[in-house]
Protein backbone atom coordinates (compact mmCIF):
# COMPACT_ATOMS: atom_id res chain seq x y z
CA UNK A 1 86.28 96.73 104.70
CA UNK A 2 88.64 99.36 106.29
CA UNK A 3 88.87 103.21 104.07
CA UNK A 4 92.00 105.04 104.28
CA UNK A 5 91.47 108.84 103.15
CA UNK A 6 94.90 109.98 101.94
CA UNK A 7 96.67 113.03 102.61
CA UNK A 8 100.07 113.06 100.66
CA UNK A 9 102.26 115.80 101.89
CA UNK A 10 104.73 118.24 99.66
CA UNK A 11 106.28 121.27 101.09
CA UNK A 12 103.54 121.39 103.77
CA UNK A 13 100.47 121.37 101.82
CA UNK A 14 98.27 118.43 100.81
CA UNK A 15 98.49 117.28 97.12
CA UNK A 16 98.05 114.65 94.88
CA UNK A 17 100.54 113.23 91.99
CA UNK A 18 99.95 111.29 89.27
CA UNK A 19 101.60 108.19 88.45
CA UNK A 20 103.72 109.04 91.12
CA UNK A 21 105.23 112.06 89.21
CA UNK A 22 106.82 114.66 91.53
CA UNK A 23 106.04 117.81 88.65
CA UNK A 24 102.23 116.59 88.19
CA UNK A 25 101.36 118.12 91.44
CA UNK A 26 97.97 119.26 92.34
CA UNK A 27 97.54 120.97 95.47
CA UNK A 28 94.31 120.45 97.61
CA UNK A 29 94.89 122.42 100.84
CA UNK A 30 97.49 124.57 102.20
CA UNK A 31 96.50 122.72 105.74
CA UNK A 32 97.21 118.92 106.01
CA UNK A 33 95.53 119.13 109.59
CA UNK A 34 92.71 120.91 108.34
CA UNK A 35 91.99 117.90 105.71
CA UNK A 36 92.20 115.46 108.45
CA UNK A 37 89.94 117.00 110.62
CA UNK A 38 87.61 117.48 107.62
CA UNK A 39 87.79 113.66 107.05
CA UNK A 40 87.49 112.38 110.47
CA UNK A 41 84.14 114.57 110.31
CA UNK A 42 82.99 112.99 107.35
CA UNK A 43 83.58 109.43 109.13
CA UNK A 44 86.91 108.08 108.79
CA UNK A 45 87.99 105.69 111.53
CA UNK A 46 91.63 105.59 110.11
CA UNK A 47 93.89 107.88 108.11
CA UNK A 48 96.43 107.04 105.45
CA UNK A 49 99.42 110.32 105.30
CA UNK A 50 102.73 110.04 102.78
CA UNK A 51 105.86 112.52 103.65
CA UNK A 52 106.37 113.53 99.83
CA UNK A 53 109.43 115.09 100.47
CA UNK A 54 110.55 112.32 102.90
CA UNK A 55 110.37 109.60 100.25
CA UNK A 56 113.14 111.67 97.95
CA UNK A 57 114.94 112.69 100.67
CA UNK A 58 115.08 109.37 102.42
CA UNK A 59 114.23 110.69 105.81
CA UNK A 60 111.60 112.93 107.76
CA UNK A 61 110.76 115.91 105.99
CA UNK A 62 107.36 117.18 106.68
CA UNK A 63 107.73 116.66 110.48
CA UNK A 64 105.78 119.56 111.59
CA UNK A 65 102.82 119.12 109.39
CA UNK A 66 102.54 115.63 110.56
CA UNK A 67 102.36 116.59 114.32
CA UNK A 68 99.83 119.08 113.54
CA UNK A 69 97.63 116.22 112.00
CA UNK A 70 98.02 113.73 114.73
CA UNK A 71 97.63 116.83 117.38
CA UNK A 72 94.18 117.31 115.21
CA UNK A 73 92.58 114.25 115.00
CA UNK A 74 91.71 111.52 117.51
CA UNK A 75 91.64 108.65 114.36
CA UNK A 76 94.80 106.33 114.23
CA UNK A 77 97.09 107.62 111.42
CA UNK A 78 99.62 105.33 109.39
CA UNK A 79 102.14 107.19 107.50
CA UNK A 80 105.08 106.20 104.80
CA UNK A 81 107.47 108.39 103.11
CA UNK A 82 111.75 107.95 103.83
CA UNK A 83 111.42 105.58 106.57
CA UNK A 84 114.85 104.58 106.65
CA UNK A 85 116.04 104.00 110.29
CA UNK A 86 114.79 102.73 113.22
CA UNK A 87 115.22 106.40 114.45
CA UNK A 88 112.80 107.07 111.89
CA UNK A 89 110.54 104.79 113.22
CA UNK A 90 110.71 105.57 116.82
CA UNK A 91 110.24 109.54 115.68
CA UNK A 92 106.86 109.08 113.96
CA UNK A 93 105.71 107.35 116.62
CA UNK A 94 106.22 109.67 119.20
CA UNK A 95 104.64 112.40 117.02
CA UNK A 96 101.46 109.79 117.42
CA UNK A 97 101.63 108.31 114.25
CA UNK A 98 100.15 104.57 114.97
CA UNK A 99 101.34 102.79 112.18
CA UNK A 100 104.42 103.20 109.97
CA UNK A 101 104.82 102.31 106.40
CA UNK A 102 108.18 100.91 105.15
CA UNK A 103 109.29 101.17 101.84
CA UNK A 104 112.59 101.29 99.83
CA UNK A 105 114.69 100.16 103.09
CA UNK A 106 112.39 97.02 102.85
CA UNK A 107 113.27 96.19 99.56
CA UNK A 108 116.97 97.19 100.00
CA UNK A 109 117.56 95.76 103.35
CA UNK A 110 114.87 93.33 104.33
CA UNK A 111 116.38 92.31 107.79
CA UNK A 112 115.70 96.10 108.25
CA UNK A 113 112.08 95.12 108.44
CA UNK A 114 112.77 92.21 110.83
CA UNK A 115 114.33 94.44 113.01
CA UNK A 116 111.70 97.09 113.47
CA UNK A 117 108.92 94.48 113.89
CA UNK A 118 111.01 93.04 116.83
CA UNK A 119 111.80 96.72 118.32
CA UNK A 120 107.82 98.31 117.80
CA UNK A 121 105.26 95.16 117.40
CA UNK A 122 103.89 94.18 114.05
CA UNK A 123 100.69 96.52 114.83
CA UNK A 124 103.10 99.73 114.31
CA UNK A 125 104.97 98.65 111.46
CA UNK A 126 103.31 98.03 107.63
CA UNK A 127 105.43 97.47 104.54
CA UNK A 128 104.49 99.87 101.04
CA UNK A 129 104.85 97.46 98.27
CA UNK A 130 104.72 99.73 95.19
CA UNK A 131 105.21 97.87 92.17
CA UNK A 132 105.20 98.86 88.27
CA UNK A 133 105.11 95.92 85.99
CA UNK A 134 104.98 93.54 88.68
CA UNK A 135 108.50 94.75 89.49
CA UNK A 136 108.94 96.75 93.08
CA UNK A 137 109.78 100.53 92.70
CA UNK A 138 111.84 102.39 95.63
CA UNK A 139 112.73 105.81 96.29
CA UNK A 140 109.90 107.77 95.81
CA UNK A 141 109.37 105.92 92.80
CA UNK A 142 112.27 106.80 90.88
CA UNK A 143 113.55 103.26 90.77
CA UNK A 144 112.67 99.88 89.80
CA UNK A 145 113.87 97.06 91.14
CA UNK A 146 114.41 93.36 89.99
CA UNK A 147 112.11 92.45 92.71
CA UNK A 148 108.35 91.32 92.26
CA UNK A 149 106.01 92.32 94.37
CA UNK A 150 104.67 88.67 95.31
CA UNK A 151 108.31 87.79 96.30
CA UNK A 152 108.86 90.98 98.15
CA UNK A 153 105.39 90.05 100.21
CA UNK A 154 106.11 86.52 100.87
CA UNK A 155 109.74 87.85 102.19
CA UNK A 156 107.75 90.41 104.29
CA UNK A 157 105.61 87.81 106.02
CA UNK A 158 108.91 85.91 106.86
CA UNK A 159 110.24 88.97 108.57
CA UNK A 160 106.92 89.19 110.81
CA UNK A 161 104.91 91.39 109.04
CA UNK A 162 101.16 91.20 109.31
CA UNK A 163 100.18 94.40 106.86
CA UNK A 164 101.37 95.45 103.38
CA UNK A 165 100.03 98.36 100.91
CA UNK A 166 99.96 97.54 97.69
CA UNK A 167 100.05 100.33 94.85
CA UNK A 168 99.85 99.72 91.17
CA UNK A 169 102.05 103.11 90.18
CA UNK A 170 100.61 102.79 86.22
CA UNK A 171 97.25 103.13 88.22
CA UNK A 172 98.05 105.74 90.83
CA UNK A 173 95.99 108.87 90.24
CA UNK A 174 94.36 108.18 87.30
CA UNK A 175 91.33 107.19 88.51
CA UNK A 176 90.92 104.18 85.75
CA UNK A 177 90.08 101.59 88.70
CA UNK A 178 92.63 99.35 91.07
CA UNK A 179 94.34 96.05 90.05
CA UNK A 180 91.98 94.22 91.92
CA UNK A 181 93.60 90.93 90.35
CA UNK A 182 97.34 91.44 91.34
CA UNK A 183 95.73 92.32 94.90
CA UNK A 184 94.22 89.66 95.23
CA UNK A 185 96.76 87.42 94.00
CA UNK A 186 99.08 89.13 96.85
CA UNK A 187 96.72 88.09 99.41
CA UNK A 188 95.73 84.83 98.41
CA UNK A 189 99.45 83.73 97.95
CA UNK A 190 100.27 85.17 101.42
CA UNK A 191 98.89 85.12 104.73
CA UNK A 192 99.17 89.22 105.01
CA UNK A 193 96.28 92.17 105.35
CA UNK A 194 96.52 93.56 101.65
CA UNK A 195 95.16 97.34 101.58
CA UNK A 196 94.91 98.20 98.25
CA UNK A 197 96.12 101.60 96.74
CA UNK A 198 96.02 103.00 93.39
CA UNK A 199 93.32 103.86 90.76
CA UNK A 200 90.29 103.50 93.14
CA UNK A 201 87.83 105.81 91.59
CA UNK A 202 84.49 104.65 92.23
CA UNK A 203 81.89 102.83 94.96
CA UNK A 204 82.08 99.79 92.20
CA UNK A 205 86.26 99.52 92.63
CA UNK A 206 85.66 99.33 96.20
CA UNK A 207 82.79 96.61 95.92
CA UNK A 208 85.17 94.64 93.26
CA UNK A 209 87.90 94.79 96.05
CA UNK A 210 85.81 94.03 99.24
CA UNK A 211 84.28 90.58 96.84
CA UNK A 212 87.86 89.93 96.05
CA UNK A 213 88.22 89.48 100.14
CA UNK A 214 90.74 92.63 100.65
CA UNK A 215 90.46 93.97 103.94
CA UNK A 216 91.30 97.72 103.11
CA UNK A 217 91.61 100.49 100.83
CA UNK A 218 93.31 104.08 100.69
CA UNK A 219 91.33 106.70 98.80
CA UNK A 220 93.19 109.87 97.73
CA UNK A 221 91.75 111.57 94.09
CA UNK A 222 88.41 109.74 94.05
CA UNK A 223 87.84 111.74 97.09
CA UNK A 224 89.15 115.02 96.29
CA UNK A 225 87.75 115.27 92.85
CA UNK A 226 84.55 114.32 94.45
CA UNK A 227 84.25 110.59 92.67
CA UNK A 228 83.44 108.95 96.06
CA UNK A 229 81.45 110.38 98.84
CA UNK A 230 83.25 109.40 101.76
CA UNK A 231 80.01 108.87 104.05
CA UNK A 232 78.36 107.00 101.42
CA UNK A 233 81.49 104.37 101.20
CA UNK A 234 81.59 104.28 104.69
CA UNK A 235 78.27 102.82 104.91
CA UNK A 236 78.51 100.42 102.24
CA UNK A 237 81.96 99.15 103.02
CA UNK A 238 82.72 99.56 106.64
CA UNK A 239 79.90 97.35 107.29
C-alpha cells in the first residue's frame, strides 16, 4: 500500500483543518518545502499536497510554495485544490507536480476530466471524491451536491480516470478512523485505484485498509500529532 504524507497549504504555511473548516486551522510549519523534505528524509516515496486557498478561490494561489516543494524533493508529488482549467493542470505539471487532482470541476462538468485525461494522460490526472454522508461536496467542501460518491466514481472511470482520492469529510482531521466500508465499496464497484483519506489515526487503521485491498492512504493529522510514525508505517505497509 502506497502511503502519502499530506501537506495542506494555506497562506504559504503547512496547516491542518478539522472537517475542512477553514476557521478551524492548526499551523504546523511556516515552510511546506521544509516539511516535504522532512517526510522524504523519513522515507516517503510520494507526497500529497493541497492548495487550500486555491480550493476556495478556484485557481492556483500558493504557486510559489508549490514550486519550492517540488524543487526541494526528488519523490513524486500529487496536488489538488482549485484545479478548474486545462491551463491550471498544465501550469502545475510545469511546476513539477506528477499528478494533478481534479475535484469540483469533475462534479460540475465531467467532460472536463475526459479532456484532461486525453490531453495529459491518465497517469497525470486523478479525481478527488470528497463526500459528506455519501454525497459529493465541492468548492472547498463548502457546497454539497446531489451526486453519490459511487455514481461519480463510475462516471469518472468512464472518462478514462484510473485513480481517485476518496475523503470522508466528517472524519477528516478527527483521528477517529477511516470509512473503510465506503472506501472498499468504491474500489469493488469500480475498477479504480482508490486512495483513502480522512480519519486515519493508527497503524491498525492502515492495516484495516490494506486488508480491504485499498492500494493507497493519505496521512495527515496522524503524522503531525505523532499518532503514526512514518518510518514504521512505511515498513509495514509498503512491503
